[in-house]
Amino acid sequence: MSRLLALLVIAAAGVNAQSYTATYDPANLPPTTEGDQAGTNQCGTGNNDTSLCQNVYINNVQDFCLWGPQTTAEIGAVEQIVVSYCTFPGRGTRLIHDGVLLSAHFVETPDYIQVTGTGNFQNINIAAGDAGGELDPHGADGAGNPHGGLVFTNRWNNGTNGLGQQIHEWTNFMSVSQYCIRACKPGPMAAAWCQHIYDVTGCAWNMPADYGEGFTECKGDSGIPMGLYPQPDGSTSTFHQGEGATPPAHPAPSISACTTYQSSSLYAPTAFATASANAAATFGVATRSGTTAVPSSTQLNNGAESVKPTLFALGSAMPCLVVTSLLGIFAAVGILL
């Protein structure tokens, strides 16, 4: 461990006293996981626009979720009762429909995964003009925001049936036009990389990254945890919100090995409201060479280097669907004859 990292670990220990320790298997969830919970964690596999599911998944640029109000409201007014909106069907959540997201930049670092970008979030019930708020598992009342909100990823551990593992440290900032969500890898620095005490400083300060146009998936450096500032003498200064002027954000960490997706219609399976994640996977994936393959849902969600999700517009998908349908008709005719 480097001297800088050691200092950051020590500093982080002093600013994160709360800890959420219950661990749940995403394949076997109870109806609720915290008191006074407005929604549920036992969500089934169907998707509808009135779901009260409070499970979020962050797996890759095609498969992630964000928190949003149940009905039109400002985030800060309903943070205890928000529900999950997801790009990928089959987990009982509400869906982020095609066209809502204007950009999405997924980055995996040694310490966390995150997605940053922009969107038209009035479509997920965030009130017009809302400058935003923060969701995290450490609310002022000792419960999460939302109460009972759980976050899972299969990026580091497949878990049962490829659904992944619960992540105890995460943070999500949402406004009517911008979002950022980060899930931190379990370990001694997880709470520092997903700090929850800077709720008025927004996405760009907490998660400096790409918020511009486009849809990408990259590897990246971890950078420096929000609020910690290494000093020339080797010490580390910790900023506390409300105490003096807010220091500048850290520079965005470097990224590499990026794959850029050209279409803004990244999430075509949600347009069909497919009830099964495995069925959605059969739409196919694009490899780096440009050929197509149909991976297992585990391969898709793990974001294997040689396998990337198909990110196609509905128009480009239709010929394949038509051909498949015709072949099915011809086969049926042959059987009848």
C-alpha atoms as a PDB file:
ATOM      1  CA  MET A   1       0.000   0.000   0.000  1.00  0.00           C
ATOM      2  CA  SER A   2       1.385   3.401  -0.982  1.00  0.00           C
ATOM      3  CA  ARG A   3       1.948   6.071   1.667  1.00  0.00           C
ATOM      4  CA  LEU A   4      -0.742   8.252   0.087  1.00  0.00           C
ATOM      5  CA  LEU A   5      -3.266   5.411   0.101  1.00  0.00           C
ATOM      6  CA  ALA A   6      -2.419   4.573   3.708  1.00  0.00           C
ATOM      7  CA  LEU A   7      -3.048   8.181   4.710  1.00  0.00           C
ATOM      8  CA  LEU A   8      -6.344   8.194   2.860  1.00  0.00           C
ATOM      9  CA  VAL A   9      -7.463   5.025   4.641  1.00  0.00           C
ATOM     10  CA  ILE A  10      -6.698   6.628   8.002  1.00  0.00           C
ATOM     11  CA  ALA A  11      -8.488   9.838   7.021  1.00  0.00           C
ATOM     12  CA  ALA A  12     -11.496   7.940   5.722  1.00  0.00           C
ATOM     13  CA  ALA A  13     -11.849   6.039   8.979  1.00  0.00           C
ATOM     14  CA  GLY A  14     -12.387   9.319  10.755  1.00  0.00           C
ATOM     15  CA  VAL A  15     -15.237  10.567   8.580  1.00  0.00           C
ATOM     16  CA  ASN A  16     -17.403   7.451   8.272  1.00  0.00           C
ATOM     17  CA  ALA A  17     -18.843   6.142  11.495  1.00  0.00           C
ATOM     18  CA  GLN A  18     -22.150   4.733  10.169  1.00  0.00           C
ATOM     19  CA  SER A  19     -22.207   1.240   8.730  1.00  0.00           C
ATOM     20  CA  TYR A  20     -24.974  -0.827   7.118  1.00  0.00           C
ATOM     21  CA  THR A  21     -24.052  -4.446   7.782  1.00  0.00           C
ATOM     22  CA  ALA A  22     -27.003  -6.630   6.768  1.00  0.00           C
ATOM     23  CA  THR A  23     -26.273  -8.655   3.645  1.00  0.00           C
ATOM     24  CA  TYR A  24     -28.920  -9.970   1.272  1.00  0.00           C
ATOM     25  CA  ASP A  25     -28.831 -12.436  -1.607  1.00  0.00           C
ATOM     26  CA  PRO A  26     -30.466 -10.757  -4.636  1.00  0.00           C
ATOM     27  CA  ALA A  27     -31.896 -14.137  -5.641  1.00  0.00           C
ATOM     28  CA  ASN A  28     -33.692 -14.551  -2.312  1.00  0.00           C
ATOM     29  CA  LEU A  29     -34.874 -11.198  -0.981  1.00  0.00           C
ATOM     30  CA  PRO A  30     -37.460 -10.583   1.746  1.00  0.00           C
ATOM     31  CA  PRO A  31     -40.433  -8.265   1.169  1.00  0.00           C
ATOM     32  CA  THR A  32     -38.704  -5.413   3.046  1.00  0.00           C
ATOM     33  CA  THR A  33     -35.289  -4.833   4.629  1.00  0.00           C
ATOM     34  CA  GLU A  34     -35.723  -1.690   6.763  1.00  0.00           C
ATOM     35  CA  GLY A  35     -38.408  -0.237   8.966  1.00  0.00           C
ATOM     36  CA  ASP A  36     -40.894   2.278   7.591  1.00  0.00           C
ATOM     37  CA  GLN A  37     -40.107   1.144   4.039  1.00  0.00           C
ATOM     38  CA  ALA A  38     -42.466   2.532   1.389  1.00  0.00           C
ATOM     39  CA  GLY A  39     -41.620  -0.039  -1.267  1.00  0.00           C
ATOM     40  CA  THR A  40     -40.412  -3.615  -1.507  1.00  0.00           C
ATOM     41  CA  ASN A  41     -37.294  -5.673  -2.205  1.00  0.00           C
ATOM     42  CA  GLN A  42     -39.252  -8.741  -3.309  1.00  0.00           C
ATOM     43  CA  CYS A  43     -39.918  -7.469  -6.806  1.00  0.00           C
ATOM     44  CA  GLY A  44     -40.492 -10.462  -9.068  1.00  0.00           C
ATOM     45  CA  THR A  45     -39.631 -10.313 -12.771  1.00  0.00           C
ATOM     46  CA  GLY A  46     -42.361  -8.184 -14.360  1.00  0.00           C
ATOM     47  CA  ASN A  47     -41.906  -4.501 -15.158  1.00  0.00           C
ATOM     48  CA  ASN A  48     -44.440  -1.701 -14.934  1.00  0.00           C
ATOM     49  CA  ASP A  49     -44.531   2.045 -14.394  1.00  0.00           C
ATOM     50  CA  THR A  50     -46.110   1.757 -10.928  1.00  0.00           C
ATOM     51  CA  SER A  51     -43.617  -0.716  -9.437  1.00  0.00           C
ATOM     52  CA  LEU A  52     -42.486   0.011  -5.877  1.00  0.00           C
ATOM     53  CA  CYS A  53     -39.288  -2.011  -6.243  1.00  0.00           C
ATOM     54  CA  GLN A  54     -36.338  -0.592  -4.292  1.00  0.00           C
ATOM     55  CA  ASN A  55     -33.485  -2.679  -5.728  1.00  0.00           C
ATOM     56  CA  VAL A  56     -30.841  -1.063  -7.934  1.00  0.00           C
ATOM     57  CA  TYR A  57     -28.415  -2.956 -10.193  1.00  0.00           C
ATOM     58  CA  ILE A  58     -25.215  -1.528 -11.697  1.00  0.00           C
ATOM     59  CA  ASN A  59     -23.527  -3.965 -14.104  1.00  0.00           C
ATOM     60  CA  ASN A  60     -22.483  -2.202 -17.322  1.00  0.00           C
ATOM     61  CA  VAL A  61     -23.448   0.635 -19.664  1.00  0.00           C
ATOM     62  CA  GLN A  62     -26.486  -1.262 -20.888  1.00  0.00           C
ATOM     63  CA  ASP A  63     -27.596  -2.545 -17.498  1.00  0.00           C
ATOM     64  CA  PHE A  64     -27.909  -0.071 -14.630  1.00  0.00           C
ATOM     65  CA  CYS A  65     -30.541   1.657 -12.514  1.00  0.00           C
ATOM     66  CA  LEU A  66     -31.194   5.071 -10.993  1.00  0.00           C
ATOM     67  CA  TRP A  67     -33.400   6.249  -8.134  1.00  0.00           C
ATOM     68  CA  GLY A  68     -36.438   8.388  -8.873  1.00  0.00           C
ATOM     69  CA  PRO A  69     -39.712   9.563  -7.285  1.00  0.00           C
ATOM     70  CA  GLN A  70     -42.845   7.439  -7.354  1.00  0.00           C
ATOM     71  CA  THR A  71     -44.843  10.427  -8.631  1.00  0.00           C
ATOM     72  CA  THR A  72     -43.679  13.864  -9.763  1.00  0.00           C
ATOM     73  CA  ALA A  73     -41.642  15.517  -6.992  1.00  0.00           C
ATOM     74  CA  GLU A  74     -38.298  17.072  -6.155  1.00  0.00           C
ATOM     75  CA  ILE A  75     -35.760  14.432  -5.124  1.00  0.00           C
ATOM     76  CA  GLY A  76     -34.942  16.117  -1.809  1.00  0.00           C
ATOM     77  CA  ALA A  77     -38.570  15.983  -0.713  1.00  0.00           C
ATOM     78  CA  VAL A  78     -39.027  12.238  -1.281  1.00  0.00           C
ATOM     79  CA  GLU A  79     -35.576  10.728  -0.840  1.00  0.00           C
ATOM     80  CA  GLN A  80     -36.826   8.238   1.786  1.00  0.00           C
ATOM     81  CA  ILE A  81     -39.404   6.708  -0.580  1.00  0.00           C
ATOM     82  CA  VAL A  82     -37.845   6.799  -4.068  1.00  0.00           C
ATOM     83  CA  VAL A  83     -37.966   3.676  -6.244  1.00  0.00           C
ATOM     84  CA  SER A  84     -35.718   2.122  -8.856  1.00  0.00           C
ATOM     85  CA  TYR A  85     -35.798   2.841 -12.589  1.00  0.00           C
ATOM     86  CA  CYS A  86     -33.672   0.467 -14.674  1.00  0.00           C
ATOM     87  CA  THR A  87     -32.459   0.156 -18.249  1.00  0.00           C
ATOM     88  CA  PHE A  88     -32.669  -3.643 -18.224  1.00  0.00           C
ATOM     89  CA  PRO A  89     -35.925  -5.603 -17.822  1.00  0.00           C
ATOM     90  CA  GLY A  90     -36.710  -8.698 -15.819  1.00  0.00           C
ATOM     91  CA  ARG A  91     -36.198  -7.632 -12.206  1.00  0.00           C
ATOM     92  CA  GLY A  92     -39.550  -6.133 -11.266  1.00  0.00           C
ATOM     93  CA  THR A  93     -38.525  -2.484 -11.450  1.00  0.00           C
ATOM     94  CA  ARG A  94     -39.810   0.485 -13.395  1.00  0.00           C
ATOM     95  CA  LEU A  95     -37.989   0.946 -16.699  1.00  0.00           C
ATOM     96  CA  ILE A  96     -35.960   3.828 -18.074  1.00  0.00           C
ATOM     97  CA  HIS A  97     -37.489   3.852 -21.507  1.00  0.00           C
ATOM     98  CA  ASP A  98     -35.607   4.404 -24.729  1.00  0.00           C
ATOM     99  CA  GLY A  99     -34.833   8.096 -25.258  1.00  0.00           C
ATOM    100  CA  VAL A 100     -34.796   9.146 -21.587  1.00  0.00           C
ATOM    101  CA  LEU A 101     -31.014   8.875 -21.267  1.00  0.00           C
ATOM    102  CA  LEU A 102     -29.095  11.378 -23.390  1.00  0.00           C
ATOM    103  CA  SER A 103     -25.655  10.088 -22.385  1.00  0.00           C
ATOM    104  CA  ALA A 104     -24.136   7.327 -20.261  1.00  0.00           C
ATOM    105  CA  HIS A 105     -20.481   6.787 -19.349  1.00  0.00           C
ATOM    106  CA  PHE A 106     -19.714   3.611 -17.421  1.00  0.00           C
ATOM    107  CA  VAL A 107     -16.285   3.331 -15.768  1.00  0.00           C
ATOM    108  CA  GLU A 108     -14.790   0.454 -13.801  1.00  0.00           C
ATOM    109  CA  THR A 109     -11.849   1.279 -11.519  1.00  0.00           C
ATOM    110  CA  PRO A 110      -9.981  -0.849  -8.972  1.00  0.00           C
ATOM    111  CA  ASP A 111     -12.207   0.574  -6.215  1.00  0.00           C
ATOM    112  CA  TYR A 112     -15.622   1.317  -7.700  1.00  0.00           C
ATOM    113  CA  ILE A 113     -17.887   1.306 -10.716  1.00  0.00           C
ATOM    114  CA  GLN A 114     -19.908   4.331 -11.752  1.00  0.00           C
ATOM    115  CA  VAL A 115     -22.166   5.703 -14.453  1.00  0.00           C
ATOM    116  CA  THR A 116     -22.413   9.416 -15.254  1.00  0.00           C
ATOM    117  CA  GLY A 117     -24.413  11.341 -17.813  1.00  0.00           C
ATOM    118  CA  THR A 118     -27.494  13.338 -18.665  1.00  0.00           C
ATOM    119  CA  GLY A 119     -31.137  12.679 -19.412  1.00  0.00           C
ATOM    120  CA  ASN A 120     -34.720  13.894 -19.522  1.00  0.00           C
ATOM    121  CA  PHE A 121     -35.630  12.861 -15.992  1.00  0.00           C
ATOM    122  CA  GLN A 122     -39.045  14.407 -15.905  1.00  0.00           C
ATOM    123  CA  ASN A 123     -39.768  11.062 -17.548  1.00  0.00           C
ATOM    124  CA  ILE A 124     -38.904   9.329 -14.277  1.00  0.00           C
ATOM    125  CA  ASN A 125     -40.947  11.789 -12.207  1.00  0.00           C
ATOM    126  CA  ILE A 126     -38.261  14.296 -11.192  1.00  0.00           C
ATOM    127  CA  ALA A 127     -39.887  17.722 -11.073  1.00  0.00           C
ATOM    128  CA  ALA A 128     -39.011  20.330 -13.707  1.00  0.00           C
ATOM    129  CA  GLY A 129     -36.239  22.637 -12.529  1.00  0.00           C
ATOM    130  CA  ASP A 130     -35.090  20.329  -9.707  1.00  0.00           C
ATOM    131  CA  ALA A 131     -31.373  20.980  -9.082  1.00  0.00           C
ATOM    132  CA  GLY A 132     -31.196  17.590  -7.440  1.00  0.00           C
ATOM    133  CA  GLY A 133     -30.349  15.639  -4.330  1.00  0.00           C
ATOM    134  CA  GLU A 134     -28.384  12.649  -3.089  1.00  0.00           C
ATOM    135  CA  LEU A 135     -29.469   9.092  -2.360  1.00  0.00           C
ATOM    136  CA  ASP A 136     -27.248   6.843  -0.205  1.00  0.00           C
ATOM    137  CA  PRO A 137     -27.486   4.113   2.448  1.00  0.00           C
ATOM    138  CA  HIS A 138     -26.792   6.517   5.354  1.00  0.00           C
ATOM    139  CA  GLY A 139     -29.782   8.793   5.894  1.00  0.00           C
ATOM    140  CA  ALA A 140     -30.048  11.314   8.705  1.00  0.00           C
ATOM    141  CA  ASP A 141     -32.504   9.034  10.537  1.00  0.00           C
ATOM    142  CA  GLY A 142     -30.061   6.126  10.506  1.00  0.00           C
ATOM    143  CA  ALA A 143     -31.835   4.324   7.646  1.00  0.00           C
ATOM    144  CA  GLY A 144     -31.048   4.493   3.972  1.00  0.00           C
ATOM    145  CA  ASN A 145     -32.350   6.977   1.452  1.00  0.00           C
ATOM    146  CA  PRO A 146     -34.519   5.360   0.361  1.00  0.00           C
ATOM    147  CA  HIS A 147     -35.500   3.256   3.375  1.00  0.00           C
ATOM    148  CA  GLY A 148     -34.781  -0.315   2.368  1.00  0.00           C
ATOM    149  CA  GLY A 149     -32.954   0.627  -0.823  1.00  0.00           C
ATOM    150  CA  LEU A 150     -30.527  -2.111  -1.876  1.00  0.00           C
ATOM    151  CA  VAL A 151     -27.789  -2.002  -4.524  1.00  0.00           C
ATOM    152  CA  PHE A 152     -26.329  -5.024  -6.319  1.00  0.00           C
ATOM    153  CA  THR A 153     -23.663  -5.673  -8.950  1.00  0.00           C
ATOM    154  CA  ASN A 154     -22.235  -8.783 -10.596  1.00  0.00           C
ATOM    155  CA  ARG A 155     -19.110  -6.929 -11.688  1.00  0.00           C
ATOM    156  CA  TRP A 156     -16.953  -8.489  -8.957  1.00  0.00           C
ATOM    157  CA  ASN A 157     -18.961 -11.511  -7.866  1.00  0.00           C
ATOM    158  CA  ASN A 158     -21.579 -13.394  -9.891  1.00  0.00           C
ATOM    159  CA  GLY A 159     -23.504 -14.479  -6.813  1.00  0.00           C
ATOM    160  CA  THR A 160     -26.547 -16.706  -7.275  1.00  0.00           C
ATOM    161  CA  ASN A 161     -27.736 -17.009 -10.887  1.00  0.00           C
ATOM    162  CA  GLY A 162     -25.460 -14.160 -11.997  1.00  0.00           C
ATOM    163  CA  LEU A 163     -27.402 -11.541 -10.020  1.00  0.00           C
ATOM    164  CA  GLY A 164     -24.274 -10.469  -8.153  1.00  0.00           C
ATOM    165  CA  GLN A 165     -23.631  -9.311  -4.630  1.00  0.00           C
ATOM    166  CA  GLN A 166     -25.032  -6.620  -2.393  1.00  0.00           C
ATOM    167  CA  ILE A 167     -22.955  -3.430  -2.243  1.00  0.00           C
ATOM    168  CA  HIS A 168     -23.067  -1.676   1.120  1.00  0.00           C
ATOM    169  CA  GLU A 169     -21.453   1.595   0.057  1.00  0.00           C
ATOM    170  CA  TRP A 170     -22.975   3.523  -2.849  1.00  0.00           C
ATOM    171  CA  THR A 171     -24.119   7.016  -3.748  1.00  0.00           C
ATOM    172  CA  ASN A 172     -26.422   8.462  -6.400  1.00  0.00           C
ATOM    173  CA  PHE A 173     -27.002  12.136  -7.262  1.00  0.00           C
ATOM    174  CA  MET A 174     -30.055  12.920  -9.373  1.00  0.00           C
ATOM    175  CA  SER A 175     -31.359  16.161 -10.880  1.00  0.00           C
ATOM    176  CA  VAL A 176     -33.888  16.750 -13.621  1.00  0.00           C
ATOM    177  CA  SER A 177     -31.117  16.675 -16.242  1.00  0.00           C
ATOM    178  CA  GLN A 178     -27.975  15.047 -14.772  1.00  0.00           C
ATOM    179  CA  TYR A 179     -27.115  11.880 -12.866  1.00  0.00           C
ATOM    180  CA  CYS A 180     -24.179  10.053 -11.355  1.00  0.00           C
ATOM    181  CA  ILE A 181     -24.206   6.754  -9.509  1.00  0.00           C
ATOM    182  CA  ARG A 182     -21.297   4.899  -7.918  1.00  0.00           C
ATOM    183  CA  ALA A 183     -21.037   1.506  -6.215  1.00  0.00           C
ATOM    184  CA  CYS A 184     -17.877   0.886  -4.218  1.00  0.00           C
ATOM    185  CA  LYS A 185     -16.015  -2.407  -4.106  1.00  0.00           C
ATOM    186  CA  PRO A 186     -16.116  -4.007  -0.654  1.00  0.00           C
ATOM    187  CA  GLY A 187     -12.959  -3.220   1.284  1.00  0.00           C
ATOM    188  CA  PRO A 188     -11.422  -0.832   3.830  1.00  0.00           C
ATOM    189  CA  MET A 189     -11.762   2.191   1.528  1.00  0.00           C
ATOM    190  CA  ALA A 190     -15.319   1.562   0.308  1.00  0.00           C
ATOM    191  CA  ALA A 191     -16.900   4.193   2.543  1.00  0.00           C
ATOM    192  CA  ALA A 192     -14.360   6.809   1.462  1.00  0.00           C
ATOM    193  CA  TRP A 193     -14.831   6.190  -2.259  1.00  0.00           C
ATOM    194  CA  CYS A 194     -18.618   6.408  -1.754  1.00  0.00           C
ATOM    195  CA  GLN A 195     -18.685   9.216   0.786  1.00  0.00           C
ATOM    196  CA  HIS A 196     -22.192  10.393   1.708  1.00  0.00           C
ATOM    197  CA  ILE A 197     -21.631  13.671   3.577  1.00  0.00           C
ATOM    198  CA  TYR A 198     -21.350  16.045   0.601  1.00  0.00           C
ATOM    199  CA  ASP A 199     -24.988  16.048  -0.416  1.00  0.00           C
ATOM    200  CA  VAL A 200     -25.183  19.670  -1.622  1.00  0.00           C
ATOM    201  CA  THR A 201     -22.093  19.612  -3.849  1.00  0.00           C
ATOM    202  CA  GLY A 202     -23.561  17.589  -6.702  1.00  0.00           C
ATOM    203  CA  CYS A 203     -22.282  15.208  -9.343  1.00  0.00           C
ATOM    204  CA  ALA A 204     -19.360  17.131 -10.811  1.00  0.00           C
ATOM    205  CA  TRP A 205     -17.772  17.659  -7.389  1.00  0.00           C
ATOM    206  CA  ASN A 206     -18.378  14.173  -5.972  1.00  0.00           C
ATOM    207  CA  MET A 207     -17.765  12.223  -9.165  1.00  0.00           C
ATOM    208  CA  PRO A 208     -15.682  14.247 -11.619  1.00  0.00           C
ATOM    209  CA  ALA A 209     -16.033  12.352 -14.880  1.00  0.00           C
ATOM    210  CA  ASP A 210     -17.471  12.561 -18.377  1.00  0.00           C
ATOM    211  CA  TYR A 211     -20.958  14.086 -18.485  1.00  0.00           C
ATOM    212  CA  GLY A 212     -20.845  14.960 -22.169  1.00  0.00           C
ATOM    213  CA  GLU A 213     -22.521  13.464 -25.176  1.00  0.00           C
ATOM    214  CA  GLY A 214     -22.200   9.819 -26.078  1.00  0.00           C
ATOM    215  CA  PHE A 215     -22.346   6.354 -24.565  1.00  0.00           C
ATOM    216  CA  THR A 216     -19.124   4.691 -23.446  1.00  0.00           C
ATOM    217  CA  GLU A 217     -17.738   1.901 -21.284  1.00  0.00           C
ATOM    218  CA  CYS A 218     -14.178   2.297 -19.989  1.00  0.00           C
ATOM    219  CA  LYS A 219     -11.585   1.197 -17.473  1.00  0.00           C
ATOM    220  CA  GLY A 220     -10.292   3.959 -15.241  1.00  0.00           C
ATOM    221  CA  ASP A 221      -8.107   5.034 -12.358  1.00  0.00           C
ATOM    222  CA  SER A 222      -9.759   5.535  -8.993  1.00  0.00           C
ATOM    223  CA  GLY A 223      -8.418   9.065  -8.476  1.00  0.00           C
ATOM    224  CA  ILE A 224      -8.763  10.594  -4.996  1.00  0.00           C
ATOM    225  CA  PRO A 225     -11.822  10.153  -2.730  1.00  0.00           C
ATOM    226  CA  MET A 226     -14.170  13.113  -2.567  1.00  0.00           C
ATOM    227  CA  GLY A 227     -13.396  15.520   0.257  1.00  0.00           C
ATOM    228  CA  LEU A 228      -9.831  14.331   0.904  1.00  0.00           C
ATOM    229  CA  TYR A 229      -6.974  16.606  -0.153  1.00  0.00           C
ATOM    230  CA  PRO A 230      -3.348  15.404   0.082  1.00  0.00           C
ATOM    231  CA  GLN A 231      -1.042  18.196   1.281  1.00  0.00           C
ATOM    232  CA  PRO A 232       2.555  18.971   0.222  1.00  0.00           C
ATOM    233  CA  ASP A 233       3.866  17.840   3.615  1.00  0.00           C
ATOM    234  CA  GLY A 234       2.358  14.371   3.130  1.00  0.00           C
ATOM    235  CA  SER A 235      -0.658  14.903   5.372  1.00  0.00           C
ATOM    236  CA  THR A 236      -4.273  14.772   4.221  1.00  0.00           C
ATOM    237  CA  SER A 237      -6.831  17.535   4.740  1.00  0.00           C
ATOM    238  CA  THR A 238     -10.496  16.597   5.020  1.00  0.00           C
ATOM    239  CA  PHE A 239     -13.166  19.041   3.855  1.00  0.00           C
ATOM    240  CA  HIS A 240     -16.343  19.179   5.931  1.00  0.00           C
ATOM    241  CA  GLN A 241     -19.412  20.518   4.182  1.00  0.00           C
ATOM    242  CA  GLY A 242     -20.528  23.868   5.620  1.00  0.00           C
ATOM    243  CA  GLU A 243     -17.135  24.725   7.098  1.00  0.00           C
ATOM    244  CA  GLY A 244     -15.689  27.464   4.933  1.00  0.00           C
ATOM    245  CA  ALA A 245     -15.584  27.675   1.163  1.00  0.00           C
ATOM    246  CA  THR A 246     -15.991  24.472  -0.815  1.00  0.00           C
ATOM    247  CA  PRO A 247     -12.635  23.493  -2.348  1.00  0.00           C
ATOM    248  CA  PRO A 248     -12.447  22.672  -6.052  1.00  0.00           C
ATOM    249  CA  ALA A 249     -13.350  19.214  -7.260  1.00  0.00           C
ATOM    250  CA  HIS A 250     -10.569  16.758  -7.951  1.00  0.00           C
ATOM    251  CA  PRO A 251      -9.615  16.351 -11.614  1.00  0.00           C
ATOM    252  CA  ALA A 252     -11.463  13.568 -13.386  1.00  0.00           C
ATOM    253  CA  PRO A 253      -9.376  10.362 -13.137  1.00  0.00           C
ATOM    254  CA  SER A 254      -7.828   9.068 -16.339  1.00  0.00           C
ATOM    255  CA  ILE A 255      -9.692   6.445 -18.363  1.00  0.00           C
ATOM    256  CA  SER A 256      -8.602   3.895 -20.970  1.00  0.00           C
ATOM    257  CA  ALA A 257      -9.757   0.878 -22.977  1.00  0.00           C
ATOM    258  CA  CYS A 258     -12.976   2.678 -23.892  1.00  0.00           C
ATOM    259  CA  THR A 259     -15.656   1.316 -26.156  1.00  0.00           C
ATOM    260  CA  THR A 260     -17.851   4.002 -27.727  1.00  0.00           C
ATOM    261  CA  TYR A 261     -21.378   3.172 -28.782  1.00  0.00           C
ATOM    262  CA  GLN A 262     -22.791   5.189 -31.662  1.00  0.00           C
ATOM    263  CA  SER A 263     -26.514   4.781 -31.172  1.00  0.00           C
ATOM    264  CA  SER A 264     -28.558   6.733 -28.654  1.00  0.00           C
ATOM    265  CA  SER A 265     -31.018   3.813 -28.632  1.00  0.00           C
ATOM    266  CA  LEU A 266     -28.907   1.784 -26.244  1.00  0.00           C
ATOM    267  CA  TYR A 267     -31.666   0.151 -24.348  1.00  0.00           C
ATOM    268  CA  ALA A 268     -33.827  -1.390 -27.050  1.00  0.00           C
ATOM    269  CA  PRO A 269     -34.881  -4.420 -24.947  1.00  0.00           C
ATOM    270  CA  THR A 270     -36.746  -2.091 -22.569  1.00  0.00           C
ATOM    271  CA  ALA A 271     -38.814  -0.753 -25.460  1.00  0.00           C
ATOM    272  CA  PHE A 272     -40.285  -4.247 -25.777  1.00  0.00           C
ATOM    273  CA  ALA A 273     -40.850  -4.470 -21.979  1.00  0.00           C
ATOM    274  CA  THR A 274     -39.333  -7.958 -22.004  1.00  0.00           C
ATOM    275  CA  ALA A 275     -40.222  -9.806 -18.821  1.00  0.00           C
ATOM    276  CA  SER A 276     -37.036 -11.867 -18.638  1.00  0.00           C
ATOM    277  CA  ALA A 277     -33.438 -10.704 -18.481  1.00  0.00           C
ATOM    278  CA  ASN A 278     -32.392 -13.919 -20.215  1.00  0.00           C
ATOM    279  CA  ALA A 279     -34.889 -13.308 -23.009  1.00  0.00           C
ATOM    280  CA  ALA A 280     -33.562  -9.791 -23.407  1.00  0.00           C
ATOM    281  CA  ALA A 281     -30.044 -11.181 -23.770  1.00  0.00           C
ATOM    282  CA  THR A 282     -31.121 -13.118 -26.859  1.00  0.00           C
ATOM    283  CA  PHE A 283     -31.266  -9.884 -28.820  1.00  0.00           C
ATOM    284  CA  GLY A 284     -27.539 -10.531 -29.268  1.00  0.00           C
ATOM    285  CA  VAL A 285     -24.296  -8.759 -28.437  1.00  0.00           C
ATOM    286  CA  ALA A 286     -21.641  -7.133 -30.560  1.00  0.00           C
ATOM    287  CA  THR A 287     -18.045  -8.261 -30.226  1.00  0.00           C
ATOM    288  CA  ARG A 288     -15.036  -6.015 -30.806  1.00  0.00           C
ATOM    289  CA  SER A 289     -14.638  -7.530 -34.272  1.00  0.00           C
ATOM    290  CA  GLY A 290     -18.158  -6.510 -35.209  1.00  0.00           C
ATOM    291  CA  THR A 291     -19.586 -10.030 -35.408  1.00  0.00           C
ATOM    292  CA  THR A 292     -22.551 -11.047 -33.295  1.00  0.00           C
ATOM    293  CA  ALA A 293     -23.003 -13.682 -30.641  1.00  0.00           C
ATOM    294  CA  VAL A 294     -25.538 -14.607 -28.006  1.00  0.00           C
ATOM    295  CA  PRO A 295     -23.884 -14.874 -24.573  1.00  0.00           C
ATOM    296  CA  SER A 296     -25.333 -16.086 -21.326  1.00  0.00           C
ATOM    297  CA  SER A 297     -26.802 -13.412 -19.065  1.00  0.00           C
ATOM    298  CA  THR A 298     -23.767 -13.888 -16.796  1.00  0.00           C
ATOM    299  CA  GLN A 299     -21.380 -13.054 -19.650  1.00  0.00           C
ATOM    300  CA  LEU A 300     -23.424 -10.004 -20.578  1.00  0.00           C
ATOM    301  CA  ASN A 301     -23.600  -8.623 -17.061  1.00  0.00           C
ATOM    302  CA  ASN A 302     -19.943  -9.282 -16.325  1.00  0.00           C
ATOM    303  CA  GLY A 303     -18.978  -7.068 -19.247  1.00  0.00           C
ATOM    304  CA  ALA A 304     -16.389  -9.539 -20.548  1.00  0.00           C
ATOM    305  CA  GLU A 305     -13.713  -7.876 -22.660  1.00  0.00           C
ATOM    306  CA  SER A 306     -14.651  -9.796 -25.817  1.00  0.00           C
ATOM    307  CA  VAL A 307     -18.389  -9.426 -25.368  1.00  0.00           C
ATOM    308  CA  LYS A 308     -20.251  -6.114 -25.339  1.00  0.00           C
ATOM    309  CA  PRO A 309     -24.015  -5.474 -25.338  1.00  0.00           C
ATOM    310  CA  THR A 310     -25.692  -4.721 -28.615  1.00  0.00           C
ATOM    311  CA  LEU A 311     -26.578  -1.036 -28.594  1.00  0.00           C
ATOM    312  CA  PHE A 312     -28.873  -0.692 -31.546  1.00  0.00           C
ATOM    313  CA  ALA A 313     -31.691   1.541 -32.671  1.00  0.00           C
ATOM    314  CA  LEU A 314     -35.048  -0.132 -33.102  1.00  0.00           C
ATOM    315  CA  GLY A 315     -34.846   0.455 -36.828  1.00  0.00           C
ATOM    316  CA  SER A 316     -31.692  -1.604 -37.195  1.00  0.00           C
ATOM    317  CA  ALA A 317     -33.218  -4.398 -35.117  1.00  0.00           C
ATOM    318  CA  MET A 318     -36.359  -4.762 -37.186  1.00  0.00           C
ATOM    319  CA  PRO A 319     -34.857  -6.647 -40.186  1.00  0.00           C
ATOM    320  CA  CYS A 320     -33.514  -9.320 -37.825  1.00  0.00           C
ATOM    321  CA  LEU A 321     -36.860  -9.612 -36.099  1.00  0.00           C
ATOM    322  CA  VAL A 322     -38.691  -9.851 -39.425  1.00  0.00           C
ATOM    323  CA  VAL A 323     -36.360 -12.570 -40.732  1.00  0.00           C
ATOM    324  CA  THR A 324     -36.688 -14.517 -37.488  1.00  0.00           C
ATOM    325  CA  SER A 325     -40.479 -14.255 -37.671  1.00  0.00           C
ATOM    326  CA  LEU A 326     -40.565 -15.415 -41.327  1.00  0.00           C
ATOM    327  CA  LEU A 327     -38.331 -18.386 -40.568  1.00  0.00           C
ATOM    328  CA  GLY A 328     -40.679 -19.340 -37.763  1.00  0.00           C
ATOM    329  CA  ILE A 329     -43.664 -19.135 -40.115  1.00  0.00           C
ATOM    330  CA  PHE A 330     -41.920 -21.245 -42.769  1.00  0.00           C
ATOM    331  CA  ALA A 331     -40.990 -23.833 -40.162  1.00  0.00           C
ATOM    332  CA  ALA A 332     -44.573 -23.970 -38.927  1.00  0.00           C
ATOM    333  CA  VAL A 333     -45.873 -24.411 -42.462  1.00  0.00           C
ATOM    334  CA  GLY A 334     -43.416 -27.252 -43.032  1.00  0.00           C
ATOM    335  CA  ILE A 335     -44.651 -29.003 -39.929  1.00  0.00           C
ATOM    336  CA  LEU A 336     -48.280 -28.623 -40.966  1.00  0.00           C
ATOM    337  CA  LEU A 337     -47.544 -29.956 -44.419  1.00  0.00           C
END
